[in-house]
Amino acid sequence: MIFQLGTNNWQRGGEFAPGSGILHEAHHHAYNAMPGVASYSMYPSSVQRSNPIDEERGIKVFELEHDIPICESVSPVSSYRWHSMSDEEFALYRARLTTAVAGWMEKIEAQTGRAFTLAVAHHAFLNPVVMRDVLRSREALGKPPVTLLCFAHGTALKMFANERAGLEDFPTRFSTFVEDEGVFSFGDPRGHVDACAAISLQQVEAVREAFPAFPSERILLSPNGYNDEIFTESTDADYGRAAVLAELTTLDRRPIPATAEKVVVFCGKFADWKRIDALLQAAAIYEQDDTGIVTIIVGSGPDEDKAELMRLAYDELGLRRTFFVGPKAQTDLARVFAASDVGCFPSRDEPFGLVFIECMACGTPVIGVNSGGPRDFVTAEVGALVPESTDRSALALSLAATIREAISDDWKATKGGAAARMVRGRFSIANQTANLLTEIAQLPRGAQER
């Protein structure tokens, strides 16, 4: 039996979710589809509420009266930062979460007559500390040890790096909190994390940098899986470009021309490291002479960031065929990806790049930057990575040239099929979860044995 503790909400009940919440939900269902495996999950939300039907399915909401705390400054669902919490508020949050996790684990074991054998803490921050505390308390009561896996998503590691870099908005606080708790001190009496999983080679290195005392052989590479029932190539007439564009509503009610000849799509949160501004500058270049190209920006962020990006697009750059359509449910996003000619995601140090995978699964080639996780899988056969640059104007020139090439050479026809085949073969959720369980089972207990 597996217990998973998430840091972000799932995409349910009309609430959009960031990537780690989507991944947690997909893992929950994938584990439960395996013979002899049962997964139970808890995640926070200020919108969703627990109900008996969900609890019977192994799903419980950690109910909040405030937005979900986040490690960075921007999230699709929250702008409430951990750094904005007082020490007292943080301690209360930790205590309430610990009580909720312990209580539900006990209830599940009492109802099923089975014992948990694996706990998964999503994000390398508070969740592994909470799970360590709960599991140690259980052991003190005579319950058997439970293996603890930390699935280290990117934002917590970025928060620690930002603190260590001395960034103004990230005073040193939580990197030292995790160090003081010692939860990643393998072999130390305070420790408990048996293994970490990271979604790309870059993230494996980020875990090593964040926790240099943690054994490298226990940091597992686990490339993200995607929902292959939603993100797929389709020949259905409803996926036609004109129909998809006609269904989209823009944030400022600007009409999208249904006669668009080609579509460039971006999807992501409105964070500076996503570099949407560079894509907008690129659009200003290719809109000059490629009048048939429409650029669709999917995603959201704080109101001030939305307003600034739209001001840049329309007031400063004078874009006429670029449209902001807000966040989309996965089924709607799949339709947009399938109807597009190329996906462009110019992030800096992208932890993995799930949107790349989802876009490719829909038969659409991708363009990114030679930075972070996409270097592990974006090849010339499925798209391109432009050179990394800290100069946004130079980056925009590279993006514009590559987008023009993708359109003129019809990468959709020549690379789209290969993109879809690649992700089907390498990045299914079923493969990811099965491989992860196999690797965890093969790890020796060693110095962490309790």
Protein backbone atom coordinates (compact mmCIF):
# COMPACT_ATOMS: atom_id res chain seq x y z
CA MET A 1 0.00 0.00 0.00
CA ILE A 2 1.22 3.46 -0.95
CA PHE A 3 0.49 6.78 0.75
CA GLN A 4 1.16 9.92 -1.30
CA LEU A 5 1.29 13.44 0.15
CA GLY A 6 1.05 16.22 -2.41
CA THR A 7 1.97 19.89 -2.21
CA ASN A 8 -0.37 21.09 -4.94
CA ASN A 9 -4.02 20.51 -5.79
CA TRP A 10 -5.26 18.12 -8.42
CA GLN A 11 -7.08 19.38 -11.51
CA ARG A 12 -10.59 18.55 -10.34
CA GLY A 13 -13.77 20.37 -9.40
CA GLY A 14 -13.14 23.17 -11.86
CA GLU A 15 -9.79 24.03 -10.26
CA PHE A 16 -6.73 24.17 -12.51
CA ALA A 17 -3.51 22.57 -11.28
CA PRO A 18 0.24 23.02 -11.71
CA GLY A 19 2.36 20.22 -13.13
CA SER A 20 3.20 18.51 -9.85
CA GLY A 21 -0.49 18.27 -8.94
CA ILE A 22 -1.29 16.77 -12.34
CA LEU A 23 1.59 14.30 -11.96
CA HIS A 24 0.50 13.27 -8.45
CA GLU A 25 -3.04 12.59 -9.68
CA ALA A 26 -1.77 10.56 -12.63
CA HIS A 27 0.51 8.50 -10.37
CA HIS A 28 -2.36 7.81 -7.99
CA HIS A 29 -4.49 6.34 -10.76
CA ALA A 30 -1.57 4.46 -12.34
CA TYR A 31 -0.64 2.76 -9.06
CA ASN A 32 -4.24 1.77 -8.45
CA ALA A 33 -4.38 0.20 -11.91
CA MET A 34 -1.55 -2.19 -10.97
CA PRO A 35 -2.53 -5.64 -9.68
CA GLY A 36 -2.11 -5.88 -5.92
CA VAL A 37 -1.23 -2.17 -5.45
CA ALA A 38 -3.39 0.38 -3.64
CA SER A 39 -2.59 4.10 -3.52
CA TYR A 40 -4.08 6.65 -1.13
CA SER A 41 -3.46 10.35 -1.65
CA MET A 42 -3.82 13.62 0.23
CA TYR A 43 -3.37 17.05 -1.36
CA PRO A 44 -4.18 20.65 -0.34
CA SER A 45 -6.85 22.91 -1.78
CA SER A 46 -8.70 26.04 -0.76
CA VAL A 47 -11.45 25.27 -3.31
CA GLN A 48 -12.02 21.51 -3.22
CA ARG A 49 -13.39 19.71 -0.19
CA SER A 50 -13.28 16.08 0.96
CA ASN A 51 -16.31 13.89 0.51
CA PRO A 52 -17.10 10.24 1.35
CA ILE A 53 -17.08 9.10 -2.29
CA ASP A 54 -13.57 10.43 -2.91
CA GLU A 55 -12.32 8.99 0.36
CA GLU A 56 -13.59 5.56 -0.70
CA ARG A 57 -11.45 6.01 -3.81
CA GLY A 58 -8.43 6.82 -1.68
CA ILE A 59 -8.48 10.60 -2.13
CA LYS A 60 -8.56 13.15 0.68
CA VAL A 61 -8.28 16.94 0.50
CA PHE A 62 -6.26 18.82 3.09
CA GLU A 63 -8.69 21.71 3.32
CA LEU A 64 -7.30 25.23 3.46
CA GLU A 65 -8.90 28.56 4.27
CA HIS A 66 -6.16 30.35 2.32
CA ASP A 67 -4.43 29.80 -1.00
CA ILE A 68 -2.00 26.91 -1.33
CA PRO A 69 1.47 27.99 -0.15
CA ILE A 70 3.98 28.08 -3.00
CA CYS A 71 7.77 28.04 -3.20
CA GLU A 72 8.12 30.65 -5.93
CA SER A 73 6.41 33.91 -6.71
CA VAL A 74 3.97 32.57 -9.30
CA SER A 75 1.65 29.59 -9.58
CA PRO A 76 -1.45 28.93 -11.70
CA VAL A 77 -3.50 28.64 -8.52
CA SER A 78 -1.84 30.80 -5.88
CA SER A 79 0.37 33.78 -5.08
CA TYR A 80 0.62 32.92 -1.35
CA ARG A 81 4.30 32.28 -0.72
CA TRP A 82 5.82 30.21 2.06
CA HIS A 83 8.07 33.19 2.71
CA SER A 84 5.03 35.34 3.51
CA MET A 85 4.16 33.06 6.46
CA SER A 86 5.24 33.99 9.95
CA ASP A 87 7.12 31.37 11.96
CA GLU A 88 3.98 30.79 13.99
CA GLU A 89 1.81 30.33 10.89
CA PHE A 90 4.32 27.91 9.41
CA ALA A 91 4.47 25.89 12.64
CA LEU A 92 0.67 25.69 12.80
CA TYR A 93 0.46 24.58 9.17
CA ARG A 94 3.06 21.88 9.80
CA ALA A 95 1.29 20.64 12.92
CA ARG A 96 -2.14 20.54 11.30
CA LEU A 97 -0.81 18.70 8.24
CA THR A 98 1.03 16.18 10.43
CA THR A 99 -2.13 15.45 12.41
CA ALA A 100 -4.21 15.08 9.24
CA VAL A 101 -1.75 12.67 7.61
CA ALA A 102 -1.35 10.52 10.72
CA GLY A 103 -5.09 10.34 11.30
CA TRP A 104 -5.96 9.34 7.76
CA MET A 105 -3.20 6.73 7.50
CA GLU A 106 -4.45 5.15 10.71
CA LYS A 107 -8.04 5.19 9.47
CA ILE A 108 -7.11 3.57 6.16
CA GLU A 109 -5.16 0.76 7.80
CA ALA A 110 -8.00 0.11 10.22
CA GLN A 111 -10.54 -0.08 7.40
CA THR A 112 -8.47 -2.21 5.03
CA GLY A 113 -6.62 -4.41 7.49
CA ARG A 114 -3.44 -3.74 5.49
CA ALA A 115 -0.27 -1.82 6.38
CA PHE A 116 1.43 0.86 4.33
CA THR A 117 4.80 -0.12 2.86
CA LEU A 118 5.70 3.01 0.84
CA ALA A 119 5.14 6.72 1.44
CA VAL A 120 5.74 9.32 -1.28
CA ALA A 121 6.33 12.95 -0.30
CA HIS A 122 5.97 15.25 -3.30
CA HIS A 123 8.44 18.19 -3.25
CA ALA A 124 11.65 18.27 -1.23
CA PHE A 125 10.44 20.67 1.42
CA LEU A 126 7.80 20.35 4.13
CA ASN A 127 6.17 17.11 2.98
CA PRO A 128 9.17 14.82 3.62
CA VAL A 129 9.57 16.41 7.06
CA VAL A 130 5.91 15.77 7.86
CA MET A 131 6.06 12.22 6.55
CA ARG A 132 9.26 11.60 8.57
CA ASP A 133 7.53 12.79 11.72
CA VAL A 134 4.45 10.66 11.07
CA LEU A 135 6.40 7.52 10.21
CA ARG A 136 8.68 7.84 13.23
CA SER A 137 5.65 8.25 15.50
CA ARG A 138 4.09 5.15 13.98
CA GLU A 139 7.27 3.15 14.55
CA ALA A 140 7.33 4.27 18.18
CA LEU A 141 3.88 2.68 18.51
CA GLY A 142 5.17 -0.62 17.13
CA LYS A 143 4.08 -0.26 13.49
CA PRO A 144 6.46 -1.62 10.83
CA PRO A 145 8.86 0.75 9.02
CA VAL A 146 7.66 2.39 5.82
CA THR A 147 10.00 3.28 2.95
CA LEU A 148 9.94 7.03 2.27
CA LEU A 149 10.45 8.34 -1.26
CA CYS A 150 10.77 12.08 -1.87
CA PHE A 151 9.64 13.02 -5.36
CA ALA A 152 11.70 16.19 -5.81
CA HIS A 153 9.82 18.54 -8.13
CA GLY A 154 11.62 21.64 -9.30
CA THR A 155 10.08 24.56 -7.45
CA ALA A 156 11.29 23.67 -3.95
CA LEU A 157 14.81 23.15 -5.25
CA LYS A 158 14.61 26.52 -7.01
CA MET A 159 13.50 28.12 -3.74
CA PHE A 160 16.52 26.69 -1.91
CA ALA A 161 18.85 27.85 -4.71
CA ASN A 162 17.31 31.33 -4.66
CA GLU A 163 17.83 31.57 -0.90
CA ARG A 164 21.45 30.49 -1.19
CA ALA A 165 21.98 33.00 -3.99
CA GLY A 166 20.77 35.77 -1.69
CA LEU A 167 17.90 36.93 -3.90
CA GLU A 168 15.93 39.77 -2.35
CA ASP A 169 12.57 37.97 -2.28
CA PHE A 170 14.10 34.80 -0.82
CA PRO A 171 15.62 35.51 2.60
CA THR A 172 17.51 32.52 4.00
CA ARG A 173 14.92 30.51 5.86
CA PHE A 174 13.66 27.26 4.40
CA SER A 175 16.90 25.87 3.00
CA THR A 176 18.27 26.03 6.54
CA PHE A 177 14.99 24.63 7.90
CA VAL A 178 15.41 21.47 5.82
CA GLU A 179 19.09 21.25 6.79
CA ASP A 180 18.27 21.64 10.48
CA GLU A 181 15.55 18.99 10.28
CA GLY A 182 18.11 16.61 8.77
CA VAL A 183 15.47 14.64 6.89
CA PHE A 184 17.89 14.09 3.97
CA SER A 185 20.80 13.20 6.28
CA PHE A 186 21.06 9.57 5.24
CA GLY A 187 22.21 7.43 8.11
CA ASP A 188 21.69 10.23 10.63
CA PRO A 189 19.16 9.49 13.41
CA ARG A 190 17.15 12.51 12.26
CA GLY A 191 16.94 11.27 8.68
CA HIS A 192 14.31 9.11 7.11
CA VAL A 193 14.18 9.71 3.33
CA ASP A 194 15.23 6.41 1.73
CA ALA A 195 15.29 7.61 -1.89
CA CYS A 196 14.69 10.68 -4.03
CA ALA A 197 13.23 10.73 -7.52
CA ALA A 198 13.84 13.53 -10.00
CA ILE A 199 12.29 14.11 -13.40
CA SER A 200 15.39 14.99 -15.44
CA LEU A 201 19.18 14.75 -15.34
CA GLN A 202 19.30 18.45 -14.49
CA GLN A 203 16.99 17.86 -11.54
CA VAL A 204 19.11 14.93 -10.37
CA GLU A 205 22.04 17.36 -10.23
CA ALA A 206 19.84 19.93 -8.45
CA VAL A 207 19.02 17.34 -5.75
CA ARG A 208 22.72 16.56 -5.36
CA GLU A 209 23.51 20.25 -4.96
CA ALA A 210 20.69 20.79 -2.47
CA PHE A 211 21.52 17.70 -0.37
CA PRO A 212 25.20 16.87 -0.92
CA ALA A 213 25.24 14.33 1.93
CA PHE A 214 22.46 12.25 0.37
CA PRO A 215 23.83 9.19 -1.50
CA SER A 216 23.88 9.75 -5.26
CA GLU A 217 22.93 6.14 -5.94
CA ARG A 218 19.64 6.75 -4.14
CA ILE A 219 18.65 9.65 -6.40
CA LEU A 220 16.54 8.00 -9.09
CA LEU A 221 15.93 9.44 -12.54
CA SER A 222 12.19 9.19 -13.22
CA PRO A 223 11.23 11.08 -16.40
CA ASN A 224 7.69 12.43 -16.24
CA GLY A 225 4.89 10.43 -17.70
CA TYR A 226 1.89 11.96 -19.46
CA ASN A 227 -1.76 11.02 -19.72
CA ASP A 228 -1.87 9.08 -22.98
CA GLU A 229 -5.64 8.83 -22.86
CA ILE A 230 -5.97 12.62 -23.20
CA PHE A 231 -2.90 13.78 -25.11
CA THR A 232 -2.93 11.95 -28.40
CA GLU A 233 -2.96 12.48 -32.14
CA SER A 234 -6.45 12.62 -33.54
CA THR A 235 -8.09 12.61 -36.94
CA ASP A 236 -11.47 13.51 -35.46
CA ALA A 237 -13.10 16.43 -37.29
CA ASP A 238 -13.69 18.22 -33.98
CA TYR A 239 -9.93 18.70 -33.71
CA GLY A 240 -9.85 20.82 -36.85
CA ARG A 241 -8.04 24.14 -36.42
CA ALA A 242 -11.04 26.33 -37.19
CA ALA A 243 -13.26 24.51 -34.70
CA VAL A 244 -10.68 24.67 -31.93
CA LEU A 245 -9.94 28.35 -32.45
CA ALA A 246 -13.65 29.16 -32.55
CA GLU A 247 -14.09 27.59 -29.11
CA LEU A 248 -11.37 29.69 -27.46
CA THR A 249 -12.27 32.79 -25.48
CA THR A 250 -9.49 35.34 -25.07
CA LEU A 251 -8.86 37.19 -21.81
CA ASP A 252 -9.60 40.54 -23.43
CA ARG A 253 -12.36 39.23 -25.73
CA ARG A 254 -10.30 39.79 -28.87
CA PRO A 255 -11.65 37.49 -31.60
CA ILE A 256 -9.27 34.85 -32.93
CA PRO A 257 -9.42 34.59 -36.74
CA ALA A 258 -10.79 31.17 -37.61
CA THR A 259 -9.00 31.46 -40.95
CA ALA A 260 -5.57 31.28 -39.30
CA GLU A 261 -3.22 29.33 -41.53
CA LYS A 262 -0.69 28.31 -38.89
CA VAL A 263 -0.74 28.20 -35.07
CA VAL A 264 2.12 28.58 -32.58
CA VAL A 265 1.17 27.60 -29.02
CA PHE A 266 2.69 28.25 -25.61
CA CYS A 267 1.42 26.81 -22.31
CA GLY A 268 2.73 27.61 -18.84
CA LYS A 269 2.47 29.79 -15.80
CA PHE A 270 3.28 33.47 -16.10
CA ALA A 271 6.64 33.26 -14.33
CA ASP A 272 9.69 35.21 -15.45
CA TRP A 273 11.73 32.04 -16.02
CA LYS A 274 9.15 30.85 -18.56
CA ARG A 275 10.28 33.82 -20.71
CA ILE A 276 6.95 34.49 -22.36
CA ASP A 277 8.21 37.98 -23.13
CA ALA A 278 10.85 36.49 -25.43
CA LEU A 279 8.15 34.61 -27.35
CA LEU A 280 6.11 37.80 -27.62
CA GLN A 281 9.14 39.61 -29.03
CA ALA A 282 9.59 36.74 -31.48
CA ALA A 283 5.94 37.06 -32.52
CA ALA A 284 6.54 40.74 -33.26
CA ILE A 285 9.21 39.62 -35.73
CA TYR A 286 7.32 36.86 -37.55
CA GLU A 287 4.01 38.77 -37.55
CA GLN A 288 5.66 41.37 -39.81
CA ASP A 289 5.59 39.17 -42.89
CA ASP A 290 3.97 35.85 -41.91
CA THR A 291 0.43 37.14 -41.77
CA GLY A 292 -1.15 33.71 -41.48
CA ILE A 293 0.49 32.77 -38.15
CA VAL A 294 -1.56 32.99 -34.95
CA THR A 295 0.13 32.69 -31.54
CA ILE A 296 -1.90 31.26 -28.66
CA ILE A 297 -0.75 31.83 -25.06
CA VAL A 298 -2.30 29.31 -22.65
CA GLY A 299 -1.80 29.82 -18.92
CA SER A 300 -2.18 32.30 -16.14
CA GLY A 301 -0.58 34.03 -13.18
CA PRO A 302 -1.08 36.98 -10.85
CA ASP A 303 -3.23 39.78 -12.26
CA GLU A 304 -0.30 42.20 -12.42
CA ASP A 305 1.77 39.73 -14.46
CA LYS A 306 -1.10 39.12 -16.88
CA ALA A 307 -1.59 42.85 -17.28
CA GLU A 308 2.14 43.44 -17.88
CA LEU A 309 2.42 40.70 -20.54
CA MET A 310 -0.69 41.94 -22.33
CA ARG A 311 0.62 45.53 -22.18
CA LEU A 312 3.90 44.32 -23.72
CA ALA A 313 2.08 42.36 -26.40
CA TYR A 314 -0.46 44.94 -27.48
CA ASP A 315 0.70 48.39 -26.39
CA GLU A 316 4.47 48.06 -26.79
CA LEU A 317 4.92 45.43 -29.50
CA GLY A 318 1.66 46.05 -31.35
CA LEU A 319 0.86 42.37 -31.81
CA ARG A 320 -2.28 41.69 -33.83
CA ARG A 321 -2.38 37.91 -34.06
CA THR A 322 -1.29 36.89 -30.56
CA PHE A 323 -3.98 35.90 -28.08
CA PHE A 324 -4.08 35.14 -24.36
CA VAL A 325 -6.70 32.46 -23.63
CA GLY A 326 -6.12 31.72 -19.91
CA PRO A 327 -5.64 28.30 -18.30
CA LYS A 328 -7.27 25.26 -19.89
CA ALA A 329 -8.40 21.86 -18.66
CA GLN A 330 -6.29 19.02 -19.98
CA THR A 331 -8.86 17.88 -22.54
CA ASP A 332 -9.12 21.40 -23.95
CA LEU A 333 -5.36 21.85 -23.92
CA ALA A 334 -4.96 18.61 -25.88
CA ARG A 335 -7.29 20.00 -28.55
CA VAL A 336 -5.22 23.18 -28.82
CA PHE A 337 -1.96 21.22 -29.03
CA ALA A 338 -3.37 18.91 -31.72
CA ALA A 339 -4.61 21.89 -33.76
CA SER A 340 -1.26 23.72 -33.57
CA ASP A 341 1.68 23.53 -35.94
CA VAL A 342 4.41 23.98 -33.36
CA GLY A 343 4.68 24.38 -29.60
CA CYS A 344 7.17 26.95 -28.31
CA PHE A 345 8.28 26.81 -24.65
CA PRO A 346 11.36 29.04 -24.07
CA SER A 347 11.85 28.35 -20.34
CA ARG A 348 15.17 28.85 -18.58
CA ASP A 349 16.29 25.72 -16.69
CA GLU A 350 12.96 23.94 -17.13
CA PRO A 351 12.97 21.12 -14.51
CA PHE A 352 11.54 18.63 -17.01
CA GLY A 353 9.07 20.03 -19.52
CA LEU A 354 5.81 18.09 -19.27
CA VAL A 355 4.10 20.50 -21.68
CA PHE A 356 6.72 19.55 -24.29
CA ILE A 357 5.76 15.90 -23.86
CA GLU A 358 2.02 16.58 -23.94
CA CYS A 359 2.37 18.73 -27.06
CA MET A 360 4.50 16.11 -28.81
CA ALA A 361 1.99 13.40 -27.89
CA CYS A 362 -0.58 15.33 -29.92
CA GLY A 363 1.62 15.07 -33.01
CA THR A 364 2.98 18.60 -32.77
CA PRO A 365 6.74 19.36 -32.90
CA VAL A 366 8.29 21.59 -30.25
CA ILE A 367 10.79 24.41 -29.90
CA GLY A 368 12.56 25.12 -26.64
CA VAL A 369 15.89 26.38 -25.35
CA ASN A 370 19.05 24.36 -24.80
CA SER A 371 18.50 24.49 -21.04
CA GLY A 372 17.20 22.13 -18.39
CA GLY A 373 15.14 18.98 -18.79
CA PRO A 374 14.15 19.28 -22.49
CA ARG A 375 17.77 18.56 -23.42
CA ASP A 376 17.05 14.97 -22.41
CA PHE A 377 14.52 14.36 -25.18
CA VAL A 378 14.11 17.22 -27.71
CA THR A 379 16.11 16.16 -30.75
CA ALA A 380 16.19 17.31 -34.38
CA GLU A 381 13.72 14.53 -35.20
CA VAL A 382 10.96 16.07 -33.04
CA GLY A 383 11.77 19.78 -33.00
CA ALA A 384 14.63 22.04 -31.96
CA LEU A 385 16.37 23.70 -29.02
CA VAL A 386 17.70 27.19 -29.72
CA PRO A 387 20.91 28.39 -27.99
CA GLU A 388 20.54 29.57 -24.41
CA SER A 389 20.93 33.31 -23.89
CA THR A 390 20.34 35.68 -21.01
CA ASP A 391 19.65 38.41 -23.58
CA ARG A 392 15.89 38.26 -24.17
CA SER A 393 16.15 40.15 -27.47
CA ALA A 394 18.78 37.74 -28.80
CA LEU A 395 16.66 34.81 -27.63
CA ALA A 396 13.64 36.30 -29.42
CA LEU A 397 15.60 36.46 -32.68
CA SER A 398 16.54 32.77 -32.35
CA LEU A 399 12.96 31.79 -31.56
CA ALA A 400 11.54 33.78 -34.45
CA ALA A 401 13.99 32.26 -36.95
CA THR A 402 13.29 28.73 -35.72
CA ILE A 403 9.50 29.22 -35.71
CA ARG A 404 9.70 30.54 -39.28
CA GLU A 405 11.71 27.46 -40.25
CA ALA A 406 9.20 25.16 -38.55
CA ILE A 407 6.33 26.79 -40.43
CA SER A 408 8.00 27.04 -43.84
CA ASP A 409 9.37 23.48 -43.73
CA ASP A 410 6.10 22.09 -42.33
CA TRP A 411 7.56 20.41 -39.27
CA LYS A 412 4.03 19.37 -38.33
CA ALA A 413 4.08 16.96 -41.28
CA THR A 414 7.75 15.97 -41.13
CA LYS A 415 8.40 15.82 -37.37
CA GLY A 416 4.97 15.55 -35.70
CA GLY A 417 4.60 11.82 -36.19
CA ALA A 418 8.07 11.11 -34.81
CA ALA A 419 7.31 13.33 -31.80
CA ALA A 420 4.18 11.36 -30.98
CA ARG A 421 5.95 8.02 -31.40
CA MET A 422 8.83 9.08 -29.17
CA VAL A 423 6.69 10.03 -26.20
CA ARG A 424 4.45 6.98 -26.55
CA GLY A 425 7.52 4.78 -26.30
CA ARG A 426 9.33 6.62 -23.50
CA PHE A 427 7.01 8.66 -21.34
CA SER A 428 3.86 6.80 -20.35
CA ILE A 429 2.66 7.16 -16.75
CA ALA A 430 2.34 3.36 -16.50
CA ASN A 431 6.01 2.89 -17.41
CA GLN A 432 7.16 5.67 -15.08
CA THR A 433 5.37 4.34 -12.02
CA ALA A 434 6.23 0.69 -12.67
CA ASN A 435 9.91 1.52 -13.15
CA LEU A 436 9.92 3.65 -10.01
CA LEU A 437 8.51 0.86 -7.85
CA THR A 438 11.05 -1.59 -9.30
CA GLU A 439 14.00 0.72 -8.57
CA ILE A 440 12.81 1.40 -5.01
CA ALA A 441 12.43 -2.31 -4.34
CA GLN A 442 16.01 -2.93 -5.51
CA LEU A 443 17.57 -0.35 -3.18
CA PRO A 444 19.42 -1.86 -0.20
CA ARG A 445 18.29 -0.69 3.22
CA GLY A 446 21.87 0.02 4.26
CA ALA A 447 22.62 2.67 6.87
CA GLN A 448 19.04 3.97 6.87
CA GLU A 449 17.60 0.70 8.15
CA ARG A 450 15.44 1.33 11.20
